[in-house]
N, C-alpha and C. Protein backbone atom coordinates (compact mmCIF):
# COMPACT_ATOMS: atom_id res chain seq x y z
N MET A 1 147.53 99.19 44.21
CA MET A 1 148.82 100.74 44.37
C MET A 1 147.73 101.64 44.72
N ARG A 2 146.65 101.69 44.19
CA ARG A 2 145.76 102.63 44.07
C ARG A 2 145.04 102.92 45.17
N LEU A 3 145.06 101.43 45.78
CA LEU A 3 143.85 100.97 47.21
C LEU A 3 145.50 102.38 48.67
N LEU A 4 146.30 101.59 48.05
CA LEU A 4 147.78 101.66 49.20
C LEU A 4 147.35 103.42 49.07
N GLY A 5 147.49 104.11 48.16
CA GLY A 5 147.53 105.39 47.73
C GLY A 5 146.41 106.42 48.53
N VAL A 6 144.80 105.57 48.41
CA VAL A 6 143.75 106.33 48.97
C VAL A 6 143.90 105.98 50.45
N LEU A 7 144.36 104.94 51.15
CA LEU A 7 144.31 104.58 52.46
C LEU A 7 145.61 105.59 52.87
N ALA A 8 146.36 105.78 51.92
CA ALA A 8 147.64 106.67 52.86
C ALA A 8 147.39 108.31 52.40
N GLY A 9 146.13 108.53 51.96
CA GLY A 9 145.83 109.91 51.74
C GLY A 9 144.82 109.99 53.04
N VAL A 10 143.99 108.95 53.15
CA VAL A 10 143.20 109.25 54.59
C VAL A 10 143.61 109.10 55.84
N LEU A 11 144.83 108.56 55.56
CA LEU A 11 145.81 108.56 57.08
C LEU A 11 146.29 109.72 57.58
N ALA A 12 146.68 110.54 56.33
CA ALA A 12 147.26 111.58 56.19
C ALA A 12 146.45 112.69 56.69
N GLY A 13 145.35 112.47 55.54
CA GLY A 13 143.88 113.64 56.18
C GLY A 13 143.67 113.72 57.93
N LEU A 14 143.73 112.68 58.31
CA LEU A 14 143.19 112.23 59.72
C LEU A 14 144.18 113.06 60.64
N VAL A 15 145.24 112.53 60.08
CA VAL A 15 146.72 113.32 60.86
C VAL A 15 146.37 114.53 61.24
N MET A 16 146.69 115.55 59.70
CA MET A 16 146.25 116.93 59.90
C MET A 16 144.76 117.42 60.57
N THR A 17 143.86 116.84 60.47
CA THR A 17 142.92 117.22 60.73
C THR A 17 143.06 117.29 62.47
N GLY A 18 143.45 115.72 62.84
CA GLY A 18 144.06 115.89 64.50
C GLY A 18 144.98 117.08 65.21
N GLY A 19 145.57 117.53 63.95
CA GLY A 19 146.77 118.32 64.55
C GLY A 19 146.21 119.58 64.64
N ALA A 20 145.22 119.83 63.79
CA ALA A 20 144.46 121.24 63.54
C ALA A 20 142.58 121.57 64.63
N GLU A 21 142.76 120.49 65.20
CA GLU A 21 141.74 120.09 66.32
C GLU A 21 141.68 122.08 67.37
N ALA A 22 140.58 121.78 67.26
CA ALA A 22 140.27 123.62 68.02
C ALA A 22 140.47 123.58 69.55
N GLN A 23 141.44 123.61 70.27
CA GLN A 23 141.21 123.98 71.48
C GLN A 23 140.51 124.77 72.34
N PRO A 24 139.96 123.91 73.36
CA PRO A 24 138.84 124.83 74.34
C PRO A 24 139.38 126.44 74.62
N ALA A 25 138.22 127.38 74.50
CA ALA A 25 138.73 128.47 74.61
C ALA A 25 138.85 128.52 76.31
N ARG A 26 139.61 129.65 76.58
CA ARG A 26 140.10 130.17 77.88
C ARG A 26 138.66 130.00 78.44
N ASP A 27 138.94 130.36 79.74
CA ASP A 27 137.67 130.44 80.74
C ASP A 27 138.60 131.59 81.35
N TRP A 28 138.72 132.93 81.33
CA TRP A 28 139.05 133.95 81.81
C TRP A 28 138.51 134.34 83.02
N ARG A 29 137.76 133.60 83.95
CA ARG A 29 137.14 133.99 85.08
C ARG A 29 138.20 133.72 86.25
N THR A 30 139.16 132.59 85.85
CA THR A 30 139.89 132.42 86.47
C THR A 30 140.93 132.99 86.74
N ALA A 31 141.27 133.83 85.90
CA ALA A 31 142.28 134.83 85.55
C ALA A 31 142.28 136.25 87.02
N THR A 32 142.66 136.33 88.22
CA THR A 32 142.69 137.46 88.78
C THR A 32 144.18 138.12 89.43
N VAL A 33 144.11 139.18 89.01
CA VAL A 33 145.41 139.93 89.62
C VAL A 33 144.77 141.01 90.06
N LYS A 34 146.22 141.61 91.36
CA LYS A 34 145.33 142.72 92.54
C LYS A 34 145.84 143.73 91.46
N ALA A 35 145.24 144.85 91.19
CA ALA A 35 145.41 146.07 90.64
C ALA A 35 146.05 147.23 91.10
N ALA A 36 146.99 148.23 90.56
CA ALA A 36 147.57 149.09 91.06
C ALA A 36 146.35 149.77 92.03
N SER A 37 144.90 149.97 91.90
CA SER A 37 144.40 150.95 92.93
C SER A 37 144.17 149.91 93.87
N GLY A 38 144.54 148.71 94.47
CA GLY A 38 144.11 148.09 95.42
C GLY A 38 142.85 147.02 95.01
N GLY A 39 142.45 147.53 94.01
CA GLY A 39 140.92 146.28 93.55
C GLY A 39 141.72 145.42 92.75
N TYR A 40 140.84 144.25 92.55
CA TYR A 40 141.25 143.10 92.02
C TYR A 40 140.62 142.80 90.94
N GLN A 41 141.41 142.74 89.61
CA GLN A 41 141.09 142.54 88.64
C GLN A 41 140.67 141.45 87.91
N ILE A 42 139.36 140.97 87.54
CA ILE A 42 139.30 139.16 87.06
C ILE A 42 139.11 139.75 85.48
N GLY A 43 139.20 138.67 85.17
CA GLY A 43 139.62 138.64 83.36
C GLY A 43 140.77 139.11 82.33
N ASN A 44 140.31 138.33 81.06
CA ASN A 44 141.43 138.99 80.21
C ASN A 44 141.72 140.25 80.50
N PRO A 45 143.46 140.28 80.77
CA PRO A 45 143.92 141.65 80.93
C PRO A 45 144.41 142.13 79.04
N GLN A 46 143.81 141.71 78.43
CA GLN A 46 143.72 142.24 77.01
C GLN A 46 142.07 142.38 76.22
N ALA A 47 141.13 142.59 77.32
CA ALA A 47 140.05 142.63 77.13
C ALA A 47 139.67 143.96 76.31
N ARG A 48 138.71 143.95 75.70
CA ARG A 48 138.38 145.00 75.00
C ARG A 48 137.76 146.25 75.94
N VAL A 49 137.29 145.86 76.91
CA VAL A 49 136.44 146.65 77.81
C VAL A 49 137.02 146.45 79.74
N THR A 50 136.91 147.47 80.02
CA THR A 50 137.29 146.92 81.63
C THR A 50 136.09 147.76 82.24
N LEU A 51 135.61 147.21 83.14
CA LEU A 51 134.05 147.50 83.95
C LEU A 51 134.66 147.61 85.18
N VAL A 52 134.56 148.23 86.24
CA VAL A 52 135.19 148.86 87.25
C VAL A 52 133.91 148.95 88.26
N GLU A 53 133.49 147.91 89.42
CA GLU A 53 132.98 148.09 90.37
C GLU A 53 132.88 148.37 91.66
N TYR A 54 132.50 149.69 92.17
CA TYR A 54 132.77 149.85 93.68
C TYR A 54 131.42 149.26 93.97
N VAL A 55 131.98 148.76 95.01
CA VAL A 55 130.90 147.60 95.98
C VAL A 55 131.25 147.35 97.28
N SER A 56 129.95 147.35 98.34
CA SER A 56 130.06 146.87 99.81
C SER A 56 129.49 146.00 100.17
N TYR A 57 129.81 144.72 100.81
CA TYR A 57 129.72 143.69 100.53
C TYR A 57 127.99 143.36 101.62
N THR A 58 127.83 144.43 102.62
CA THR A 58 126.62 144.68 102.86
C THR A 58 125.42 145.29 102.38
N CYS A 59 125.96 145.92 101.17
CA CYS A 59 124.57 146.62 100.18
C CYS A 59 123.81 145.95 99.54
N PRO A 60 122.63 145.87 99.76
CA PRO A 60 122.04 144.96 99.21
C PRO A 60 121.78 144.91 97.52
N HIS A 61 121.88 146.46 97.44
CA HIS A 61 121.82 146.63 96.11
C HIS A 61 122.91 146.28 95.00
N CYS A 62 123.74 145.99 96.14
CA CYS A 62 125.38 145.04 95.12
C CYS A 62 124.89 143.98 94.98
N GLY A 63 124.24 143.32 95.83
CA GLY A 63 123.88 141.91 96.19
C GLY A 63 123.17 141.63 94.74
N HIS A 64 121.92 142.57 94.58
CA HIS A 64 121.23 142.20 93.65
C HIS A 64 122.15 142.29 91.88
N PHE A 65 122.85 143.37 92.15
CA PHE A 65 123.75 143.02 90.96
C PHE A 65 124.31 142.07 90.42
N VAL A 66 124.89 141.34 91.61
CA VAL A 66 126.10 140.43 91.38
C VAL A 66 125.04 139.19 90.80
N GLU A 67 124.09 139.19 91.49
CA GLU A 67 123.10 138.18 91.12
C GLU A 67 122.72 138.14 89.44
N GLU A 68 121.84 139.34 89.16
CA GLU A 68 121.50 139.69 87.98
C GLU A 68 122.60 139.90 87.09
N SER A 69 123.53 140.08 87.25
CA SER A 69 125.01 139.98 86.15
C SER A 69 125.61 138.94 85.91
N LYS A 70 125.69 138.11 87.10
CA LYS A 70 126.19 136.72 87.14
C LYS A 70 126.43 135.69 85.41
N ALA A 71 125.05 135.51 84.98
CA ALA A 71 124.94 135.00 83.67
C ALA A 71 125.47 135.82 82.28
N PRO A 72 124.99 137.04 82.57
CA PRO A 72 125.38 137.37 81.44
C PRO A 72 126.81 138.13 81.17
N LEU A 73 127.32 138.90 82.35
CA LEU A 73 128.61 139.39 82.28
C LEU A 73 129.68 138.55 82.91
N HIS A 74 129.38 137.72 84.25
CA HIS A 74 130.53 137.09 83.98
C HIS A 74 130.67 135.80 83.70
N ASP A 75 129.48 135.03 83.76
CA ASP A 75 129.74 133.74 82.84
C ASP A 75 129.96 134.14 81.09
N GLY A 76 129.35 135.22 81.07
CA GLY A 76 129.47 135.35 79.44
C GLY A 76 130.78 136.47 79.32
N LEU A 77 130.05 137.86 79.49
CA LEU A 77 131.87 138.46 78.71
C LEU A 77 132.94 138.33 78.88
N VAL A 78 132.98 137.91 80.83
CA VAL A 78 134.19 138.09 80.97
C VAL A 78 134.85 136.40 80.74
N ARG A 79 133.89 135.44 80.66
CA ARG A 79 134.87 134.36 80.53
C ARG A 79 135.24 134.09 79.39
N ASN A 80 134.64 135.08 78.29
CA ASN A 80 135.01 135.07 77.08
C ASN A 80 136.65 135.47 76.71
N GLY A 81 136.50 136.38 77.67
CA GLY A 81 137.67 137.61 77.39
C GLY A 81 136.93 138.66 77.21
N GLN A 82 135.79 139.52 76.85
CA GLN A 82 135.37 140.81 76.31
C GLN A 82 135.63 141.58 77.07
N VAL A 83 135.39 141.11 78.66
CA VAL A 83 135.70 142.29 79.23
C VAL A 83 136.32 141.73 80.53
N ARG A 84 136.92 142.68 81.34
CA ARG A 84 137.63 142.58 82.32
C ARG A 84 136.59 143.33 83.37
N VAL A 85 136.35 142.93 84.88
CA VAL A 85 136.00 143.25 85.81
C VAL A 85 136.72 143.84 86.66
N GLU A 86 136.84 145.33 87.43
CA GLU A 86 137.62 145.34 88.54
C GLU A 86 136.84 145.52 89.86
N ILE A 87 137.21 144.75 90.89
CA ILE A 87 136.05 144.77 92.13
C ILE A 87 137.03 146.09 93.24
N ARG A 88 136.45 146.91 93.44
CA ARG A 88 136.64 147.76 94.23
C ARG A 88 135.96 148.30 95.71
N ASN A 89 136.66 147.65 96.40
CA ASN A 89 135.83 147.77 97.82
C ASN A 89 135.60 149.45 98.29
N PHE A 90 134.24 149.26 98.69
CA PHE A 90 133.86 150.85 99.50
C PHE A 90 133.11 150.53 100.82
N VAL A 91 134.20 150.50 102.07
CA VAL A 91 133.59 149.87 103.28
C VAL A 91 132.59 150.67 103.77
N ARG A 92 131.73 150.24 104.44
CA ARG A 92 130.67 150.84 105.59
C ARG A 92 130.52 150.72 106.84
N ASP A 93 131.13 149.38 107.18
CA ASP A 93 130.98 149.19 108.87
C ASP A 93 131.50 147.76 108.62
N PRO A 94 131.55 147.06 110.27
CA PRO A 94 132.26 146.61 110.66
C PRO A 94 132.53 144.85 109.54
N LEU A 95 130.86 144.71 109.75
CA LEU A 95 131.08 143.45 108.87
C LEU A 95 131.26 143.69 107.42
N ASP A 96 131.03 144.42 106.87
CA ASP A 96 131.41 144.94 105.34
C ASP A 96 133.58 144.83 105.94
N LEU A 97 133.73 145.53 106.51
CA LEU A 97 135.34 145.15 106.60
C LEU A 97 135.99 143.70 106.57
N ALA A 98 134.78 143.37 107.64
CA ALA A 98 135.46 141.75 107.75
C ALA A 98 135.05 140.66 106.29
N SER A 99 134.23 141.30 105.77
CA SER A 99 133.99 140.73 104.88
C SER A 99 135.05 140.88 103.58
N ALA A 100 135.52 141.83 103.10
CA ALA A 100 136.60 142.67 102.53
C ALA A 100 138.01 141.53 103.01
N LEU A 101 138.14 141.68 103.93
CA LEU A 101 139.52 141.00 104.53
C LEU A 101 139.74 139.83 104.17
N LEU A 102 138.37 139.24 104.27
CA LEU A 102 138.56 137.61 104.57
C LEU A 102 138.10 137.08 103.19
N ALA A 103 137.57 138.17 102.00
CA ALA A 103 137.27 137.88 100.44
C ALA A 103 138.96 137.89 100.15
N ARG A 104 139.67 138.52 100.62
CA ARG A 104 141.74 138.83 99.91
C ARG A 104 142.13 137.90 100.36
N CYS A 105 141.80 137.13 101.49
CA CYS A 105 142.47 136.20 102.34
C CYS A 105 142.87 134.90 101.03
N GLY A 106 144.05 134.65 101.93
CA GLY A 106 144.32 133.22 101.19
C GLY A 106 145.10 133.11 99.72
N GLY A 107 145.34 134.59 99.86
CA GLY A 107 146.25 134.91 98.04
C GLY A 107 145.04 135.49 96.79
N THR A 108 146.21 135.79 95.93
CA THR A 108 145.04 136.67 94.86
C THR A 108 144.13 135.64 94.33
N ALA A 109 144.37 134.35 94.01
CA ALA A 109 143.70 133.33 93.33
C ALA A 109 142.10 132.77 93.80
N ARG A 110 142.36 133.38 95.17
CA ARG A 110 140.89 132.94 95.84
C ARG A 110 140.14 134.09 95.74
N PHE A 111 140.84 134.74 95.12
CA PHE A 111 139.76 135.78 95.74
C PHE A 111 138.22 136.24 94.61
N ALA A 112 138.12 135.67 93.57
CA ALA A 112 136.83 135.84 92.60
C ALA A 112 136.04 135.16 93.50
N ARG A 113 136.29 133.60 93.81
CA ARG A 113 135.49 132.83 94.14
C ARG A 113 135.26 132.72 95.49
N GLN A 114 135.64 133.69 96.57
CA GLN A 114 135.30 134.01 97.89
C GLN A 114 134.78 135.46 97.86
N HIS A 115 134.75 136.21 96.96
CA HIS A 115 133.88 137.33 96.50
C HIS A 115 132.62 136.96 96.57
N ALA A 116 132.32 136.05 94.95
CA ALA A 116 131.09 135.36 94.78
C ALA A 116 130.55 135.03 96.30
N LEU A 117 131.08 133.92 97.19
CA LEU A 117 130.73 133.38 97.88
C LEU A 117 129.78 134.29 98.93
N ILE A 118 130.55 135.29 99.49
CA ILE A 118 130.37 136.20 100.34
C ILE A 118 128.83 136.86 99.99
N PHE A 119 128.83 137.41 98.18
CA PHE A 119 127.39 137.59 97.87
C PHE A 119 126.74 136.82 97.83
N ALA A 120 126.87 135.40 97.52
CA ALA A 120 125.97 134.45 97.20
C ALA A 120 125.16 134.26 98.81
N ASN A 121 125.99 134.75 100.11
CA ASN A 121 125.29 134.48 101.40
C ASN A 121 125.02 135.61 101.84
N GLN A 122 124.74 136.83 101.07
CA GLN A 122 124.68 138.00 101.82
C GLN A 122 123.21 137.98 102.96
N LYS A 123 122.38 137.62 102.56
CA LYS A 123 121.24 137.94 103.41
C LYS A 123 121.60 136.96 104.05
N ALA A 124 121.92 135.69 104.43
CA ALA A 124 121.86 134.99 105.56
C ALA A 124 122.78 135.76 106.55
N LEU A 125 124.06 136.27 106.38
CA LEU A 125 125.15 137.16 106.83
C LEU A 125 124.56 137.86 107.84
N LEU A 126 123.85 138.80 106.94
CA LEU A 126 123.20 140.27 107.31
C LEU A 126 121.89 140.24 108.07
N ASP A 127 121.30 139.06 107.87
CA ASP A 127 119.98 138.52 109.24
C ASP A 127 120.94 138.40 110.75
N LYS A 128 122.02 137.50 110.40
CA LYS A 128 122.61 136.87 111.46
C LYS A 128 123.64 138.08 112.52
N ALA A 129 123.95 139.06 111.90
CA ALA A 129 124.77 140.07 111.95
C ALA A 129 123.36 140.82 113.05
N MET A 130 122.62 140.89 112.67
CA MET A 130 121.47 142.05 112.64
C MET A 130 121.19 141.22 114.22
N ALA A 131 121.10 140.04 114.21
CA ALA A 131 120.02 138.80 114.97
C ALA A 131 121.87 139.28 116.53
N PHE A 132 123.09 138.78 115.81
CA PHE A 132 124.13 139.04 117.08
C PHE A 132 124.06 140.25 117.80
N GLN A 133 124.33 141.84 116.32
CA GLN A 133 124.37 143.00 117.28
C GLN A 133 123.19 143.51 118.13
N ALA A 134 121.87 142.79 118.59
CA ALA A 134 121.36 143.05 119.20
C ALA A 134 121.22 142.51 120.59
N THR A 135 121.90 141.72 120.31
CA THR A 135 122.51 141.16 121.80
C THR A 135 123.00 141.83 123.29
N PRO A 136 122.83 142.35 123.86
CA PRO A 136 123.18 143.23 125.28
C PRO A 136 124.71 142.88 125.01
N ASP A 137 125.53 141.67 124.74
CA ASP A 137 127.16 141.35 125.20
C ASP A 137 127.83 141.44 124.10
N ALA A 138 126.99 141.47 122.73
CA ALA A 138 127.68 141.44 121.55
C ALA A 138 129.34 141.50 121.65
N PHE A 139 129.39 143.13 122.19
CA PHE A 139 131.17 143.52 121.80
C PHE A 139 131.17 143.41 122.89
N LYS A 140 130.77 142.99 124.15
CA LYS A 140 131.41 143.24 125.36
C LYS A 140 132.83 142.96 125.47
N GLY A 141 133.19 143.37 126.13
CA GLY A 141 134.87 142.91 126.20
C GLY A 141 135.67 143.45 124.73
N ALA A 142 134.81 143.90 124.12
CA ALA A 142 136.00 143.67 122.93
C ALA A 142 136.60 145.34 122.39
N THR A 143 137.67 145.78 122.87
CA THR A 143 138.02 147.17 122.89
C THR A 143 138.69 147.38 121.79
N THR A 144 139.55 146.75 121.50
CA THR A 144 140.26 146.75 120.06
C THR A 144 139.48 146.86 118.53
N ILE A 145 140.00 147.44 117.30
CA ILE A 145 139.12 147.21 116.32
C ILE A 145 139.08 145.48 115.69
N GLU A 146 140.38 145.18 116.17
CA GLU A 146 140.65 143.30 115.92
C GLU A 146 139.41 142.59 116.65
N ALA A 147 139.36 142.75 117.81
CA ALA A 147 138.76 142.11 118.47
C ALA A 147 136.92 142.23 118.27
N ARG A 148 136.82 143.60 117.78
CA ARG A 148 135.45 143.20 116.90
C ARG A 148 135.25 143.14 115.78
N LEU A 149 135.88 142.88 114.79
CA LEU A 149 136.03 142.60 113.59
C LEU A 149 136.32 140.93 113.41
N ARG A 150 136.66 140.31 114.99
CA ARG A 150 136.54 138.55 115.27
C ARG A 150 135.20 138.95 115.41
N ARG A 151 134.60 139.48 116.39
CA ARG A 151 133.45 139.26 116.82
C ARG A 151 131.83 139.68 115.84
N ILE A 152 132.66 140.28 115.22
CA ILE A 152 131.42 140.39 113.87
C ILE A 152 131.11 139.43 112.92
N ALA A 153 132.36 139.20 112.72
CA ALA A 153 132.81 137.98 111.63
C ALA A 153 132.44 136.07 111.97
N ALA A 154 132.66 136.34 113.36
CA ALA A 154 131.90 135.02 114.01
C ALA A 154 130.31 134.79 114.31
N GLY A 155 129.90 135.87 114.61
CA GLY A 155 128.45 136.18 115.19
C GLY A 155 127.14 136.32 114.07
N SER A 156 127.99 136.50 112.56
CA SER A 156 127.01 136.74 111.34
C SER A 156 127.47 135.14 110.69
N GLY A 157 128.36 134.53 111.17
CA GLY A 157 128.73 133.29 110.08
C GLY A 157 129.71 133.47 109.41
N LEU A 158 130.21 134.77 109.28
CA LEU A 158 131.40 134.94 108.00
C LEU A 158 132.40 134.23 108.20
N THR A 159 133.17 133.96 109.70
CA THR A 159 134.35 133.36 109.79
C THR A 159 133.58 131.33 109.40
N ALA A 160 132.95 131.44 109.95
CA ALA A 160 132.26 129.55 109.59
C ALA A 160 132.28 129.50 108.08
N LEU A 161 131.78 130.61 107.21
CA LEU A 161 131.73 130.28 106.01
C LEU A 161 132.93 130.07 105.19
N MET A 162 134.03 131.41 105.59
CA MET A 162 135.27 131.09 104.40
C MET A 162 136.09 129.85 105.41
N THR A 163 135.49 129.29 106.56
CA THR A 163 136.98 128.18 106.80
C THR A 163 135.77 126.72 105.97
N ARG A 164 134.45 127.14 105.88
CA ARG A 164 134.19 126.38 105.28
C ARG A 164 134.39 125.74 103.43
N SER A 165 134.68 127.00 103.04
CA SER A 165 135.05 127.07 101.85
C SER A 165 136.49 126.84 101.26
N GLY A 166 137.51 126.76 102.77
CA GLY A 166 138.84 126.29 102.28
C GLY A 166 139.82 126.92 103.04
N LEU A 167 139.34 128.18 104.03
CA LEU A 167 140.37 128.74 104.79
C LEU A 167 140.84 127.76 105.75
N SER A 168 141.74 127.95 106.61
CA SER A 168 141.53 127.72 107.92
C SER A 168 141.47 128.23 108.60
N PRO A 169 140.88 128.21 110.00
CA PRO A 169 140.66 129.47 111.14
C PRO A 169 141.59 129.83 111.22
N GLN A 170 142.97 129.61 111.47
CA GLN A 170 144.21 130.28 111.64
C GLN A 170 144.27 131.38 110.55
N GLN A 171 144.26 130.63 109.22
CA GLN A 171 144.45 131.80 108.09
C GLN A 171 143.47 132.87 108.33
N ALA A 172 141.87 132.54 108.45
CA ALA A 172 140.87 133.17 108.90
C ALA A 172 140.69 134.69 109.67
N ASP A 173 141.70 134.05 111.04
CA ASP A 173 141.74 134.63 111.98
C ASP A 173 143.02 135.97 111.75
N ARG A 174 143.72 135.24 110.39
CA ARG A 174 145.19 136.25 110.32
C ARG A 174 144.96 137.55 109.74
N CYS A 175 144.17 136.97 108.94
CA CYS A 175 143.39 138.58 107.44
C CYS A 175 142.56 139.12 108.76
N LEU A 176 142.13 138.50 109.64
CA LEU A 176 141.04 139.94 109.99
C LEU A 176 141.81 140.63 111.16
N ILE A 177 143.17 140.20 110.98
CA ILE A 177 143.81 141.50 111.97
C ILE A 177 144.83 141.66 111.74
N ASP A 178 144.57 141.88 110.32
CA ASP A 178 146.18 141.93 109.46
C ASP A 178 145.89 143.86 109.31
N ALA A 179 146.86 144.75 109.88
CA ALA A 179 146.50 146.06 110.34
C ALA A 179 146.73 146.53 108.78
N ALA A 180 147.58 146.12 107.99
CA ALA A 180 148.21 146.68 106.50
C ALA A 180 147.18 146.83 105.57
N ALA A 181 146.50 145.28 105.83
CA ALA A 181 145.63 145.27 105.02
C ALA A 181 144.16 145.61 105.14
N ARG A 182 143.61 145.89 106.56
CA ARG A 182 142.69 146.81 107.18
C ARG A 182 142.55 148.31 106.79
N GLN A 183 143.74 148.67 106.91
CA GLN A 183 144.61 150.50 106.50
C GLN A 183 144.24 150.65 104.73
N GLU A 184 144.92 149.56 104.25
CA GLU A 184 144.45 149.42 102.78
C GLU A 184 143.12 150.19 102.46
N LEU A 185 142.16 149.14 102.76
CA LEU A 185 140.92 149.33 102.64
C LEU A 185 139.97 150.63 103.13
N VAL A 186 140.39 150.66 104.16
CA VAL A 186 140.16 152.13 104.91
C VAL A 186 140.68 153.32 103.52
N GLY A 187 141.34 153.39 103.70
CA GLY A 187 142.48 154.39 102.88
C GLY A 187 141.64 154.56 101.53
N ALA A 188 141.47 153.60 100.96
CA ALA A 188 140.86 153.43 99.33
C ALA A 188 139.59 154.09 99.66
N THR A 189 138.69 153.73 100.70
CA THR A 189 137.25 153.96 100.56
C THR A 189 137.37 155.60 101.06
N GLU A 190 138.23 156.19 101.94
CA GLU A 190 138.41 157.71 102.07
C GLU A 190 139.04 158.33 100.94
N LYS A 191 139.50 157.75 100.02
CA LYS A 191 139.96 158.57 98.44
C LYS A 191 138.85 158.70 97.56
N LEU A 192 137.78 157.60 97.66
CA LEU A 192 136.90 157.43 96.94
C LEU A 192 135.61 158.64 97.38
N GLN A 193 135.95 158.39 98.42
CA GLN A 193 135.04 160.20 99.11
C GLN A 193 134.79 161.59 98.24
N GLY A 194 133.59 161.61 97.53
CA GLY A 194 133.16 162.29 97.22
C GLY A 194 133.17 161.73 95.61
N ARG A 195 133.57 160.90 95.45
CA ARG A 195 133.88 161.02 93.80
C ARG A 195 132.58 159.61 93.81
N ILE A 196 132.19 158.49 94.62
CA ILE A 196 130.86 158.08 94.22
C ILE A 196 130.04 158.33 95.53
N GLU A 197 129.15 158.62 95.05
CA GLU A 197 127.56 158.62 96.03
C GLU A 197 127.36 157.62 96.61
N GLY A 198 127.59 156.11 96.34
CA GLY A 198 127.34 155.17 97.11
C GLY A 198 127.74 154.10 96.24
N THR A 199 126.89 152.69 96.38
CA THR A 199 127.14 151.39 96.56
C THR A 199 125.95 151.00 95.83
N PRO A 200 125.68 150.09 94.75
CA PRO A 200 127.25 150.20 93.57
C PRO A 200 127.01 151.18 93.16
N SER A 201 128.66 151.55 92.35
CA SER A 201 128.63 152.49 91.30
C SER A 201 130.08 151.56 90.10
N PHE A 202 129.95 152.75 89.28
CA PHE A 202 130.63 151.52 88.13
C PHE A 202 131.25 152.50 87.25
N GLU A 203 132.16 152.20 86.91
CA GLU A 203 132.81 152.99 85.45
C GLU A 203 133.29 152.13 84.16
N ILE A 204 133.28 152.45 82.97
CA ILE A 204 133.50 152.12 82.18
C ILE A 204 134.85 152.36 81.21
N ASP A 205 135.98 151.94 81.41
CA ASP A 205 137.51 152.19 80.97
C ASP A 205 137.25 153.93 81.14
N GLY A 206 137.21 154.22 82.71
CA GLY A 206 137.66 154.82 83.10
C GLY A 206 136.36 156.22 83.71
N ASN A 207 135.22 155.84 83.27
CA ASN A 207 134.04 156.54 83.14
C ASN A 207 132.91 156.57 83.91
N LEU A 208 133.04 157.00 84.93
CA LEU A 208 131.51 157.16 85.88
C LEU A 208 130.47 156.90 84.81
N LEU A 209 129.56 156.16 85.60
CA LEU A 209 127.98 155.44 85.16
C LEU A 209 126.74 156.29 85.94
N ALA A 210 126.32 157.00 85.55
CA ALA A 210 125.09 157.03 86.09
C ALA A 210 124.08 155.77 85.95
N ALA A 211 124.62 154.94 86.89
CA ALA A 211 123.57 153.30 86.76
C ALA A 211 123.95 152.82 88.55
N ASN A 212 123.17 151.82 88.47
CA ASN A 212 123.13 151.07 89.72
C ASN A 212 122.57 149.74 89.87
N SER A 213 122.10 149.40 88.04
CA SER A 213 121.85 148.31 88.43
C SER A 213 122.29 147.25 87.08
N TRP A 214 122.23 146.16 87.08
CA TRP A 214 122.92 145.67 85.71
C TRP A 214 122.46 146.28 84.18
N ALA A 215 120.57 146.45 84.27
CA ALA A 215 119.98 147.04 83.26
C ALA A 215 120.14 148.24 82.96
N GLU A 216 120.79 149.01 83.75
CA GLU A 216 121.49 150.09 83.46
C GLU A 216 123.13 150.29 82.81
N VAL A 217 123.47 149.51 83.58
CA VAL A 217 124.76 149.04 82.80
C VAL A 217 124.93 148.47 82.07
N GLU A 218 124.32 147.57 81.71
CA GLU A 218 124.64 146.66 80.20
C GLU A 218 124.55 147.61 78.50
N PRO A 219 123.52 148.20 78.80
CA PRO A 219 123.69 149.12 77.98
C PRO A 219 125.01 149.93 77.73
N PRO A 220 125.35 150.57 78.32
CA PRO A 220 126.84 151.51 77.95
C PRO A 220 127.66 150.03 77.46
N LEU A 221 127.70 149.12 78.42
CA LEU A 221 128.69 147.83 78.29
C LEU A 221 128.31 147.12 77.05
N ARG A 222 127.94 147.40 76.44
CA ARG A 222 127.69 146.97 75.11
C ARG A 222 127.81 148.14 74.03
N GLN A 223 127.50 149.15 73.94
CA GLN A 223 128.03 150.18 73.21
C GLN A 223 129.78 150.14 73.25
N ALA A 224 130.44 150.34 74.64
CA ALA A 224 131.59 150.14 74.65
C ALA A 224 132.56 149.08 73.80
N LEU A 225 131.90 147.91 73.71
CA LEU A 225 131.81 146.43 73.05
C LEU A 225 132.04 146.74 71.55
N GLN A 226 131.26 148.20 71.26
CA GLN A 226 131.14 148.44 69.66
C GLN A 226 132.09 149.45 69.24
N ARG A 227 132.92 149.92 70.25
CA ARG A 227 133.87 150.76 69.65
C ARG A 227 135.23 150.67 68.55
């Protein structure tokens, strides 16, 4: 009887342990919503701190920030739910506009991955775009903004990059000529004139920072998390 009692206790303990097994922590990098500002919020909606990034896809300093901050910010603080990042575009040129349109293409759930993909390939895109624009007939016959966006997206390799990532050529083309999305991006940029001096720029919980690198953003971000 004692043996049976011990076995019953062990089995009960195993059942209780199994029921209390910790679940894997959620990866908040997969949570993306479109914000009222027109930007895209990545991370936990209940995060203690929101970091707003004003970026341009053709801004090398923005590319450096994305690269430097990936491990500590996105793979750390965003992933574990402490920080939510909001990406707001400040478009500067046709390639930047085409990139912003295609980063948003295919639905909200695709944004974070496509945003990161464009920055990961930024140098190659810029190099090809410069070479393409230096050719005499780069924009010959492209008399509309839609035609010019198609040309620069194709000539820079942007369209090919995005179709390799899963967008269909038809999806990419529809997004490039989406007048409403284009006007939203241009309008948002116009509203930022005079508010930010350039890209990248940052806000923490609504307060604009005098910072343009991860080394300058990290200390106030860590301080905000301690409040």
